[in-house]
Amino acid sequence: VLAACAGPSQAETSAPVRGVAPSDQAKYGLTTFRCFSGSEQELPLSAINDDFCDCADGSDEPGTGACAGQTQTLFYCPNARSDPAFIYSSRVNDGICDCCDGSDEWRASAATGGRAWPHPACADRCAEEGRRIKRERDQQIADLKSGIKQRQSLIENARKEQLRSNEELQRLRIDLPLLERQVQQAKTAQETAQNAVDKEEARIKAMNASKSSSTPVDGGAEAPAKAGGAQQAAFDASLAGGDAKEGAGAAAKPAEAEKPVVSEYSKWMDGAEKVLEEGTKDSEPDASQTADGAVVSEYSKWMDGAEKVLDDMSPEEDDLDDLDAGDSDSFTEPENEEPETGFLQRVLDDLKRDFRRAWEWAFGHGTTPLEGQLQKAKDEHREAEKKVNEAKKRLTELEQKLE
């Protein structure tokens, strides 16, 4: 009964050994059989696939499930038109189609005239499975080729990048000393420009101090004046509300001629405060009021005084006649008399200074050419230091990258 269920033994048929791959068929072609595990026991060929496990490794039952549980001997699925496969012997004749050609369920075909496979209950799925496997394999091959191409491209790009980095590194090592020298040159230029600005500021302070000094300078700009001093006194008297002629006569005295010359702007400011205080206390009209009681501004008085001074400075017709007549005694130039242009120059300088102060108060301090050169030197020094720092940073990055 068991022999009938097991079907014909391998010795009774000339067909290939069931469940053995073509490459291993020769191991079962001898007159006797020995287990693959090294057993010395010899078995007859009829013991192969007789549904009785004689070898511990299951090598005598490659096409049955008699040696289920071992993993050394597996069942071979031919799977025509698809890829061959191996399954565990425990899956042979278990009622489930594991091979796409149904060869693992050969026992169920005994009722079909002895046809071993394909299993009549298992549809042949090998053609469909073969197409699917081919698509997957083609896709894998395409992905592999694409990956190899991308890898080669990355290797080539990395090689080029390495060459570029080496060239840039060498160039930076050459340029860095030059950039450092440029920084030193820019620093020297900045120090030179700073010294020039400091000297110019010191010179301007010294000049302003000499102008505001009350000590006369020999042969200089504030020599004692007689006629010019009288004109200065008349101009000052007009600002204070006095009489121009009285001021001129009083200023002609030697004692008053030696008084320090004060800026007209300062006199004007001091006089303005005094006039405002007197105008609020005294209700009677004075020199600063007109006939109808209106107060005259200091600027108007200053302009009137300037006209009087200019009139005093113009020569009289009699003086011109005396000069034409050759009367040299009637016109003698006093020694050390200040030229008339000196007085006008001082007034012009005071006006310029006051205007500059007002401009700076309203619009800020202007930039001189020396200050402009200093600012330019600072910008160049800052830019040179920035380039050096960037070069050093890049140099460090490249050295770390190429390590």
Foldseek 3Di string as FASTA:
>chain_A
DLQVLLDQFPVVDPDQQAQDDPVCSVQLPDQWHDDPVDDPDIHGSRQASSLAQPDQQSPSDNLALSNAPHDNRWGWAPLPLADIDTDGRNQACPPDQPRLFCQSNQSCCVVVVNDRDDRPVHHRCSNVNRVVVVVVVVVVVVVVVVVVVVVVVVVVVVVVVLVVLVVLLVVLVVCLVVLVVLLVVLVVLLVVLVVVVVVVVVVVVVVVCVLQDQDDDVVDLQWQAQQLQLLVQLLLQLLLLHHSNVSSVVSNDPVNSSGGDDAPVVSNVVSQVVVVVVVVVDQDDDSQADPVGDGHHSVVSSVVSVVVSVVSVDDDPVVVVCVVVVVPVVDDDDPRHRDNVSVVVSNVVSVVVVVQVVCCVVPNDDADPSNVSSVVSVVSSVVSVVVSVVSVVSSVVSVVVND
